[in-house]
Amino acid sequence: PGNKQGGITTLEDKSCGCVQKGGSAPIMDVIGYGDPVVSKGLNMLCGPGNDLVSATALTAAGAHRREPLSPEGVAALYGRWIPMSASRLDEHRACHFSYFMKYGLRARPRRRADFGSREYGTFVHAVLEDTLKHWDKSMDPAATRALARAAMERYLKEELGGLEDKSPRFAYLFRRLDRAVERLVDNVTEELRHSEFSPLAFELSFGPGKDLPAVELEVDGVRLSVTGAVDRVDGWEHDGKLYVRVIDYKTGKKVFNLTDIYHGIGLQMLLYLFTLERKGRELFGREVVGAGALYVPARDLPVSGTRDMAEAARRKEEDKILRRKGLVLEDEAVLTAMADPEVMEHFLPAKMKRDGTIVGEGLASLERLGRLSAHVRRVLEEVGRELAAGTVTADPYWRSEEENACARCEYAAACQFEEGRGGDCRRWSRTLKPEEFWAALEEENRKGGDEDGLPTDR
């Protein structure tokens, strides 16, 4: 029926459209049903026109093989100067084919209008920034909550245009967030009350014309230019140096994970921290020392418990969810400045024992942070080489059936991943314990030499 409506009356008419779709490239070969392609370029396949039968013939011919892009293809799709953000780096490391679909072909899935996770993330970031810019330690919790509520109402009015023209579902979803965001503000400001670190910057941007230059690296004829923004930068002055920690509000389920870091995923905070160490003097006027990179869980707080659960018990469970994840400098003066000893374990991935020693899986010495900086550089170089080589293999990062790059991929229908077909393969990764992670970095540095961290910033 669709063909007839379009004016096609014969198979000859329809075939003319097929010829037109072939473009102007010369025909290199004509192959029979079930035969594989042996010549590069445009090939014609002799076979029935039935979709099911022809799709089988195309598969047998190898039409679904993912060949690397030619240098001309790389230049046409990506250019020789490739803008890169931390999230793009994660997507490239997670699966080359998905990255190619999104940033090479610029394929976009359809989305429904809703107040979903992305909108929630933007809302939370805006409210926290607005609140903390007007907050100081002299404010009691009631005044702090009033400040947060005012920030929420401003966002609702100025960014969303109010709720009058929104659907009941949208209004319900938005109002449901009020308590979660208010509780998050309580937690963040309570931490700052017990810390000598204070906010220095919000949404600190890296890139051309921004607060700090982009991180740039050239490899195999392409230049990566990594840009982005830090949600918050906190600082503490000590002995003429400025110790900084970078803070990222995480509204999704993603957590800081050393196994992911080793495989080049989730480098965002570390990339920003190491860049601040190298270029922060230009912004803050003194030597900058990286003191840590922390994720603050900023999603809705799904506490397990009964309806009659006491408020104190609920807040205790919420505090567990809101405990920061990440890495902090293993230095007693820095750690006790970051959080008072009695509350340290509530806010940091570390705690002080009764004998005064500080322990925790999130501690890293200056030496280890240096090795980590060199690792980040090597990951960037590898990404550059793979982009220059035109790699579009479907090779999803895979930790388990629940944790893998295919689980929420928007391009599964186009990918048709099949283990063992062509270059399709899962990149399995076992979980690394902290000491295994640091030992692997030490071995990596030994083999690669003690090169200095990130590339020169431009």
Protein backbone atom coordinates (compact mmCIF):
# COMPACT_ATOMS: atom_id res chain seq x y z
CA PRO A 1 0.00 0.00 0.00
CA GLY A 2 2.81 2.43 0.78
CA ASN A 3 4.44 1.85 -2.59
CA LYS A 4 1.16 2.53 -4.41
CA GLN A 5 0.56 5.71 -2.42
CA GLY A 6 4.02 6.86 -3.40
CA GLY A 7 3.29 6.38 -7.09
CA ILE A 8 5.22 3.11 -7.59
CA THR A 9 3.27 0.75 -9.86
CA THR A 10 5.85 -1.82 -11.00
CA LEU A 11 8.92 -3.61 -9.71
CA GLU A 12 10.93 -1.74 -12.34
CA ASP A 13 9.88 1.57 -10.73
CA LYS A 14 10.89 0.27 -7.32
CA SER A 15 14.25 -0.95 -8.60
CA CYS A 16 15.01 2.51 -9.98
CA GLY A 17 14.79 3.76 -6.41
CA CYS A 18 17.23 1.08 -5.30
CA VAL A 19 19.69 2.14 -8.00
CA GLN A 20 19.37 5.75 -6.91
CA LYS A 21 20.14 4.79 -3.30
CA GLY A 22 23.36 3.22 -4.53
CA GLY A 23 24.70 6.67 -5.32
CA SER A 24 27.21 7.39 -8.07
CA ALA A 25 29.96 4.99 -7.01
CA PRO A 26 31.11 2.47 -9.62
CA ILE A 27 29.84 -1.10 -9.24
CA MET A 28 32.83 -3.26 -8.30
CA ASP A 29 31.22 -6.70 -8.33
CA VAL A 30 27.98 -8.65 -8.69
CA ILE A 31 27.68 -11.56 -6.25
CA GLY A 32 25.26 -14.45 -6.04
CA TYR A 33 22.89 -15.42 -3.23
CA GLY A 34 24.90 -16.63 -0.24
CA ASP A 35 28.25 -15.48 -1.63
CA PRO A 36 30.54 -13.26 0.48
CA VAL A 37 31.80 -9.87 -0.64
CA VAL A 38 35.39 -10.04 -1.88
CA SER A 39 35.78 -6.63 -3.55
CA LYS A 40 35.84 -3.30 -1.73
CA GLY A 41 33.33 -0.68 -2.86
CA LEU A 42 29.75 -0.94 -4.15
CA ASN A 43 28.60 -4.54 -4.69
CA MET A 44 25.31 -5.74 -6.23
CA LEU A 45 23.63 -8.82 -4.79
CA CYS A 46 21.40 -11.05 -6.89
CA GLY A 47 18.52 -12.40 -4.84
CA PRO A 48 14.78 -12.22 -4.08
CA GLY A 49 13.33 -8.91 -2.94
CA ASN A 50 11.45 -10.37 0.05
CA ASP A 51 12.74 -8.59 3.18
CA LEU A 52 13.37 -11.72 5.25
CA VAL A 53 15.13 -13.58 2.45
CA SER A 54 17.15 -10.57 1.29
CA ALA A 55 18.25 -9.74 4.84
CA THR A 56 19.60 -13.28 5.17
CA ALA A 57 21.51 -12.88 1.91
CA LEU A 58 22.93 -9.54 3.04
CA THR A 59 24.11 -11.10 6.30
CA ALA A 60 25.76 -14.00 4.43
CA ALA A 61 27.48 -11.50 2.16
CA GLY A 62 28.94 -9.70 5.16
CA ALA A 63 26.95 -6.46 4.91
CA HIS A 64 26.83 -6.23 8.69
CA ARG A 65 30.60 -6.42 9.21
CA ARG A 66 31.98 -3.38 10.97
CA GLU A 67 35.08 -2.31 9.08
CA PRO A 68 37.30 0.52 10.37
CA LEU A 69 36.67 3.94 8.86
CA SER A 70 39.11 5.08 6.23
CA PRO A 71 41.29 8.13 7.02
CA GLU A 72 38.96 10.11 4.73
CA GLY A 73 35.97 8.79 6.68
CA VAL A 74 37.55 9.80 9.99
CA ALA A 75 38.20 13.29 8.65
CA ALA A 76 34.67 13.61 7.26
CA LEU A 77 32.85 12.40 10.38
CA TYR A 78 35.08 13.65 13.19
CA GLY A 79 37.52 16.09 11.63
CA ARG A 80 41.16 16.33 12.70
CA TRP A 81 40.35 18.45 15.75
CA ILE A 82 38.03 16.34 17.90
CA PRO A 83 36.16 18.03 20.75
CA MET A 84 35.94 15.69 23.71
CA SER A 85 34.24 15.83 27.11
CA ALA A 86 34.51 13.50 30.08
CA SER A 87 31.18 11.88 29.23
CA ARG A 88 32.30 11.37 25.62
CA LEU A 89 35.48 9.70 26.87
CA ASP A 90 33.35 7.32 28.95
CA GLU A 91 31.14 6.51 25.97
CA HIS A 92 34.13 5.83 23.73
CA ARG A 93 35.70 3.53 26.31
CA ALA A 94 32.38 1.75 26.89
CA CYS A 95 31.77 0.82 23.21
CA HIS A 96 33.37 2.06 19.99
CA PHE A 97 30.29 1.37 17.85
CA SER A 98 27.93 3.26 20.15
CA TYR A 99 30.31 6.23 20.08
CA PHE A 100 30.43 6.06 16.26
CA MET A 101 26.61 6.05 16.04
CA LYS A 102 26.22 9.00 18.41
CA TYR A 103 29.11 11.28 17.46
CA GLY A 104 30.08 10.02 13.99
CA LEU A 105 26.68 9.48 12.38
CA ARG A 106 24.93 11.74 14.95
CA ALA A 107 22.01 9.32 15.22
CA ARG A 108 19.52 10.42 17.85
CA PRO A 109 16.82 8.27 19.48
CA ARG A 110 13.38 9.75 20.07
CA ARG A 111 12.71 11.06 23.56
CA ARG A 112 9.50 11.80 25.37
CA ALA A 113 9.02 15.13 27.10
CA ASP A 114 9.19 14.52 30.85
CA PHE A 115 10.95 15.57 34.03
CA GLY A 116 13.39 12.68 33.86
CA SER A 117 16.87 12.04 35.20
CA ARG A 118 18.58 14.66 33.02
CA GLU A 119 16.13 17.38 33.97
CA TYR A 120 16.41 16.36 37.61
CA GLY A 121 20.20 16.57 37.41
CA THR A 122 20.09 20.09 36.00
CA PHE A 123 17.59 21.11 38.68
CA VAL A 124 19.69 19.73 41.56
CA HIS A 125 22.89 21.36 40.29
CA ALA A 126 21.15 24.74 39.94
CA VAL A 127 19.55 24.62 43.41
CA LEU A 128 22.79 23.60 45.16
CA GLU A 129 24.81 26.29 43.39
CA ASP A 130 22.19 28.98 44.10
CA THR A 131 21.90 27.95 47.76
CA LEU A 132 25.63 27.70 48.51
CA LYS A 133 26.38 31.06 46.90
CA HIS A 134 24.15 32.72 49.52
CA TRP A 135 24.88 30.40 52.45
CA ASP A 136 27.35 30.83 55.31
CA LYS A 137 28.15 28.85 58.45
CA SER A 138 26.24 31.25 60.70
CA MET A 139 22.90 30.08 59.25
CA ASP A 140 20.95 27.51 61.23
CA PRO A 141 19.27 24.52 59.50
CA ALA A 142 15.89 26.29 59.29
CA ALA A 143 17.40 29.30 57.51
CA THR A 144 19.33 26.97 55.21
CA ARG A 145 16.16 25.11 54.21
CA ALA A 146 14.38 28.39 53.56
CA LEU A 147 17.28 29.38 51.28
CA ALA A 148 16.98 26.07 49.42
CA ARG A 149 13.22 26.38 49.00
CA ALA A 150 13.64 29.89 47.61
CA ALA A 151 16.21 28.56 45.13
CA MET A 152 13.79 25.80 44.05
CA GLU A 153 10.98 28.27 43.50
CA ARG A 154 13.27 30.56 41.46
CA TYR A 155 14.27 27.66 39.24
CA LEU A 156 10.65 26.65 38.80
CA LYS A 157 9.64 30.15 37.78
CA GLU A 158 12.65 31.23 35.70
CA GLU A 159 13.65 27.96 34.01
CA LEU A 160 10.39 26.01 33.82
CA GLY A 161 7.88 28.85 33.60
CA GLY A 162 5.91 27.62 36.60
CA LEU A 163 3.66 24.59 36.82
CA GLU A 164 0.42 26.12 35.53
CA ASP A 165 0.79 24.80 31.99
CA LYS A 166 2.41 21.49 32.97
CA SER A 167 0.71 18.12 33.11
CA PRO A 168 -0.39 16.71 36.49
CA ARG A 169 2.29 14.01 36.12
CA PHE A 170 5.02 16.64 35.59
CA ALA A 171 3.81 18.65 38.61
CA TYR A 172 3.74 15.51 40.78
CA LEU A 173 7.25 14.45 39.75
CA PHE A 174 8.63 17.93 40.40
CA ARG A 175 7.03 18.37 43.83
CA ARG A 176 8.10 14.89 44.85
CA LEU A 177 11.70 16.08 44.54
CA ASP A 178 11.34 18.89 47.09
CA ARG A 179 12.15 16.80 50.16
CA ALA A 180 15.02 14.94 48.49
CA VAL A 181 16.73 18.16 47.40
CA GLU A 182 16.11 19.80 50.78
CA ARG A 183 17.69 16.80 52.52
CA LEU A 184 20.65 16.94 50.17
CA VAL A 185 21.18 20.64 50.94
CA ASP A 186 21.05 19.80 54.67
CA ASN A 187 23.77 17.17 54.20
CA VAL A 188 26.07 19.32 52.04
CA THR A 189 25.88 22.35 54.34
CA GLU A 190 26.35 20.17 57.43
CA GLU A 191 29.58 18.85 55.92
CA LEU A 192 30.82 22.38 55.22
CA ARG A 193 30.10 23.38 58.84
CA HIS A 194 32.59 20.71 59.93
CA SER A 195 35.23 21.54 57.32
CA GLU A 196 37.95 24.12 56.83
CA PHE A 197 37.54 23.67 53.08
CA SER A 198 35.13 26.18 51.54
CA PRO A 199 33.68 26.59 48.04
CA LEU A 200 35.94 28.53 45.66
CA ALA A 201 34.06 28.08 42.39
CA PHE A 202 30.87 26.63 40.94
CA GLU A 203 30.59 25.19 37.43
CA LEU A 204 34.30 25.86 36.81
CA SER A 205 34.69 25.43 33.04
CA PHE A 206 37.56 24.05 30.94
CA GLY A 207 37.74 25.03 27.27
CA PRO A 208 38.38 27.88 24.81
CA GLY A 209 37.44 31.18 26.43
CA LYS A 210 36.53 29.45 29.72
CA ASP A 211 37.96 29.66 33.24
CA LEU A 212 40.78 27.26 32.32
CA PRO A 213 42.00 26.04 28.92
CA ALA A 214 40.99 22.71 27.42
CA VAL A 215 43.27 19.71 27.87
CA GLU A 216 44.67 18.99 24.40
CA LEU A 217 46.64 16.07 23.03
CA GLU A 218 47.71 15.24 19.48
CA VAL A 219 48.25 11.64 18.36
CA ASP A 220 48.36 10.02 14.91
CA GLY A 221 47.20 13.16 13.14
CA VAL A 222 44.15 13.97 15.29
CA ARG A 223 43.94 16.40 18.17
CA LEU A 224 41.72 15.68 21.16
CA SER A 225 40.41 18.74 22.96
CA VAL A 226 38.86 17.78 26.29
CA THR A 227 36.43 20.32 27.74
CA GLY A 228 33.94 20.25 30.60
CA ALA A 229 32.95 21.77 33.91
CA VAL A 230 33.40 20.94 37.60
CA ASP A 231 30.25 21.22 39.72
CA ARG A 232 32.17 22.66 42.66
CA VAL A 233 35.76 23.34 43.69
CA ASP A 234 36.57 23.65 47.42
CA GLY A 235 39.85 24.97 48.76
CA TRP A 236 41.95 25.24 51.94
CA GLU A 237 45.08 27.37 52.32
CA HIS A 238 47.97 25.85 54.24
CA ASP A 239 51.69 26.69 54.31
CA GLY A 240 51.37 28.97 51.29
CA LYS A 241 49.65 26.33 49.16
CA LEU A 242 46.06 25.98 48.09
CA TYR A 243 44.72 22.47 48.56
CA VAL A 244 41.71 21.83 46.34
CA ARG A 245 39.13 19.11 46.05
CA VAL A 246 36.69 18.74 43.16
CA ILE A 247 33.08 17.86 43.91
CA ASP A 248 30.64 16.22 41.51
CA TYR A 249 26.93 15.87 42.30
CA LYS A 250 25.81 12.47 41.01
CA THR A 251 22.07 12.29 40.32
CA GLY A 252 22.34 8.93 38.55
CA LYS A 253 23.31 5.51 39.87
CA LYS A 254 26.91 5.69 38.74
CA VAL A 255 29.49 5.45 41.53
CA PHE A 256 33.22 5.96 41.79
CA ASN A 257 34.81 2.63 40.91
CA LEU A 258 38.52 1.84 40.64
CA THR A 259 37.89 -0.99 38.15
CA ASP A 260 36.16 1.45 35.80
CA ILE A 261 38.97 3.97 36.32
CA TYR A 262 41.56 1.35 35.33
CA HIS A 263 39.69 0.69 32.08
CA GLY A 264 39.38 4.40 31.28
CA ILE A 265 35.78 4.98 32.37
CA GLY A 266 34.77 7.62 34.92
CA LEU A 267 37.90 9.75 34.58
CA GLN A 268 36.02 13.04 34.68
CA MET A 269 36.84 14.12 38.24
CA LEU A 270 40.45 13.00 38.10
CA LEU A 271 40.98 14.77 34.79
CA TYR A 272 39.70 18.02 36.31
CA LEU A 273 41.71 17.59 39.52
CA PHE A 274 45.01 17.01 37.69
CA THR A 275 44.32 19.91 35.32
CA LEU A 276 43.71 22.20 38.30
CA GLU A 277 47.06 21.16 39.76
CA ARG A 278 48.83 22.19 36.56
CA LYS A 279 46.88 25.30 35.59
CA GLY A 280 45.22 26.39 38.84
CA ARG A 281 47.92 28.96 39.65
CA GLU A 282 46.68 31.09 36.74
CA LEU A 283 43.21 31.14 38.28
CA PHE A 284 43.89 31.24 42.03
CA GLY A 285 47.26 33.01 42.12
CA ARG A 286 49.16 30.40 44.14
CA GLU A 287 50.44 26.84 43.94
CA VAL A 288 47.61 24.32 43.78
CA VAL A 289 47.79 20.83 45.31
CA GLY A 290 45.17 18.21 44.51
CA ALA A 291 43.51 17.09 47.74
CA GLY A 292 40.76 14.87 46.39
CA ALA A 293 37.94 14.09 44.00
CA LEU A 294 34.58 13.25 45.54
CA TYR A 295 31.18 12.16 44.26
CA VAL A 296 28.22 13.44 46.26
CA PRO A 297 25.17 11.19 45.72
CA ALA A 298 22.43 13.64 44.74
CA ARG A 299 19.60 11.38 43.63
CA ASP A 300 16.30 10.67 45.34
CA LEU A 301 16.90 8.89 48.65
CA PRO A 302 15.24 5.43 48.55
CA VAL A 303 15.52 4.46 52.23
CA SER A 304 14.44 0.93 53.16
CA GLY A 305 12.21 0.86 56.20
CA THR A 306 8.66 0.88 57.52
CA ARG A 307 6.19 3.76 57.31
CA ASP A 308 6.41 4.36 61.06
CA MET A 309 10.22 4.53 60.93
CA ALA A 310 11.56 7.20 63.34
CA GLU A 311 12.95 10.35 61.73
CA ALA A 312 16.35 9.88 63.42
CA ALA A 313 16.62 6.35 62.03
CA ARG A 314 15.59 7.55 58.58
CA ARG A 315 18.20 10.32 58.59
CA LYS A 316 20.87 7.82 59.67
CA GLU A 317 20.04 5.64 56.67
CA GLU A 318 20.04 8.68 54.40
CA ASP A 319 23.47 9.69 55.68
CA LYS A 320 24.80 6.27 54.63
CA ILE A 321 23.47 6.81 51.11
CA LEU A 322 24.94 10.34 50.97
CA ARG A 323 28.43 9.35 52.11
CA ARG A 324 30.98 10.59 49.55
CA LYS A 325 32.82 8.24 47.22
CA GLY A 326 36.15 8.96 45.57
CA LEU A 327 39.80 9.55 46.44
CA VAL A 328 41.36 11.91 48.99
CA LEU A 329 44.98 12.77 49.67
CA GLU A 330 46.50 10.59 52.39
CA ASP A 331 47.70 13.45 54.58
CA GLU A 332 46.48 13.86 58.17
CA ALA A 333 46.49 17.68 58.10
CA VAL A 334 44.50 17.74 54.85
CA LEU A 335 42.01 15.10 55.99
CA THR A 336 41.29 16.73 59.36
CA ALA A 337 40.84 20.06 57.57
CA MET A 338 38.45 18.40 55.16
CA ALA A 339 36.26 17.00 57.96
CA ASP A 340 36.39 17.07 61.76
CA PRO A 341 37.56 13.67 63.06
CA GLU A 342 34.26 12.93 64.84
CA VAL A 343 32.25 13.23 61.61
CA MET A 344 34.89 12.20 59.06
CA GLU A 345 33.39 8.80 58.27
CA HIS A 346 29.98 10.39 57.62
CA PHE A 347 31.29 12.53 54.78
CA LEU A 348 34.55 11.05 53.47
CA PRO A 349 35.73 7.64 52.22
CA ALA A 350 37.95 7.50 55.34
CA LYS A 351 37.66 7.41 59.12
CA MET A 352 39.83 8.09 62.15
CA LYS A 353 40.41 5.14 64.48
CA ARG A 354 40.63 5.44 68.25
CA ASP A 355 44.43 5.42 68.11
CA GLY A 356 44.33 8.50 65.84
CA THR A 357 45.26 6.75 62.59
CA ILE A 358 43.17 7.44 59.53
CA VAL A 359 42.17 4.51 57.33
CA GLY A 360 39.98 3.97 54.29
CA GLU A 361 39.96 2.59 50.76
CA GLY A 362 39.63 6.12 49.38
CA LEU A 363 43.08 7.25 50.59
CA ALA A 364 45.85 7.88 48.05
CA SER A 365 49.38 9.16 48.57
CA LEU A 366 50.94 11.85 46.38
CA GLU A 367 52.99 9.13 44.69
CA ARG A 368 49.90 7.10 43.84
CA LEU A 369 48.07 10.16 42.55
CA GLY A 370 51.06 10.81 40.28
CA ARG A 371 50.79 7.31 38.83
CA LEU A 372 47.08 7.84 38.36
CA SER A 373 47.74 11.06 36.45
CA ALA A 374 50.07 9.17 34.11
CA HIS A 375 47.38 6.51 33.63
CA VAL A 376 44.83 9.15 32.62
CA ARG A 377 47.28 10.44 30.01
CA ARG A 378 47.76 6.97 28.57
CA VAL A 379 44.00 6.50 28.29
CA LEU A 380 43.69 9.78 26.36
CA GLU A 381 46.47 8.68 24.00
CA GLU A 382 44.74 5.35 23.40
CA VAL A 383 41.43 7.08 22.65
CA GLY A 384 43.21 9.34 20.17
CA ARG A 385 44.85 6.38 18.41
CA GLU A 386 41.55 4.50 18.16
CA LEU A 387 39.71 7.51 16.75
CA ALA A 388 42.48 8.12 14.21
CA ALA A 389 42.30 4.45 13.17
CA GLY A 390 38.54 4.75 12.56
CA THR A 391 37.67 1.99 15.04
CA VAL A 392 33.90 1.28 15.05
CA THR A 393 33.94 -2.23 16.53
CA ALA A 394 31.02 -3.32 18.69
CA ASP A 395 33.10 -4.28 21.74
CA PRO A 396 31.06 -3.33 24.81
CA TYR A 397 32.71 -3.02 28.21
CA TRP A 398 31.31 -5.90 30.27
CA ARG A 399 31.51 -6.60 33.99
CA SER A 400 28.36 -8.71 34.42
CA GLU A 401 24.95 -9.31 32.85
CA GLU A 402 23.66 -6.35 34.88
CA GLU A 403 26.68 -4.04 34.53
CA ASN A 404 27.66 -3.60 30.90
CA ALA A 405 27.59 -1.06 28.09
CA CYS A 406 24.72 -2.81 26.29
CA ALA A 407 22.28 -2.69 29.22
CA ARG A 408 20.97 0.81 28.43
CA CYS A 409 22.37 1.36 24.94
CA GLU A 410 20.19 3.50 22.68
CA TYR A 411 21.65 1.96 19.53
CA ALA A 412 20.98 -1.74 20.12
CA ALA A 413 18.55 -1.94 17.19
CA ALA A 414 21.17 -0.58 14.79
CA CYS A 415 24.01 -2.58 16.32
CA GLN A 416 22.53 -6.10 16.31
CA PHE A 417 25.47 -7.22 18.48
CA GLU A 418 26.36 -10.88 18.13
CA GLU A 419 29.31 -12.28 20.05
CA GLY A 420 31.90 -13.74 17.68
CA ARG A 421 30.50 -12.20 14.49
CA GLY A 422 33.19 -10.20 12.78
CA GLY A 423 34.83 -8.12 15.48
CA ASP A 424 31.86 -8.23 17.87
CA CYS A 425 33.12 -9.15 21.32
CA ARG A 426 32.57 -8.37 24.97
CA ARG A 427 35.49 -6.76 26.80
CA TRP A 428 35.24 -8.62 30.09
CA SER A 429 36.59 -6.99 33.21
CA ARG A 430 36.95 -8.55 36.63
CA THR A 431 36.57 -6.37 39.69
CA LEU A 432 39.87 -5.04 41.02
CA LYS A 433 40.45 -4.65 44.73
CA PRO A 434 42.12 -1.34 45.72
CA GLU A 435 45.56 -2.87 46.22
CA GLU A 436 45.27 -4.74 42.91
CA PHE A 437 44.39 -1.47 41.20
CA TRP A 438 47.40 0.38 42.60
CA ALA A 439 49.70 -2.56 41.86
CA ALA A 440 48.46 -2.59 38.25
CA LEU A 441 49.20 1.14 37.92
CA GLU A 442 52.67 0.65 39.37
CA GLU A 443 53.36 -2.09 36.82
CA GLU A 444 51.92 0.09 34.04
CA ASN A 445 54.20 2.96 34.99
CA ARG A 446 57.19 0.64 35.21
CA LYS A 447 56.61 -0.61 31.67
CA GLY A 448 55.71 2.79 30.24
CA GLY A 449 58.29 4.82 32.11
CA ASP A 450 57.54 7.52 34.66
CA GLU A 451 56.10 9.98 32.19
CA ASP A 452 54.52 13.05 33.67
CA GLY A 453 50.73 12.89 33.87
CA LEU A 454 48.48 14.91 31.64
CA PRO A 455 49.52 16.56 28.36
CA THR A 456 50.23 20.24 28.03
CA ASP A 457 47.11 22.40 28.25
CA ARG A 458 46.44 24.93 25.52
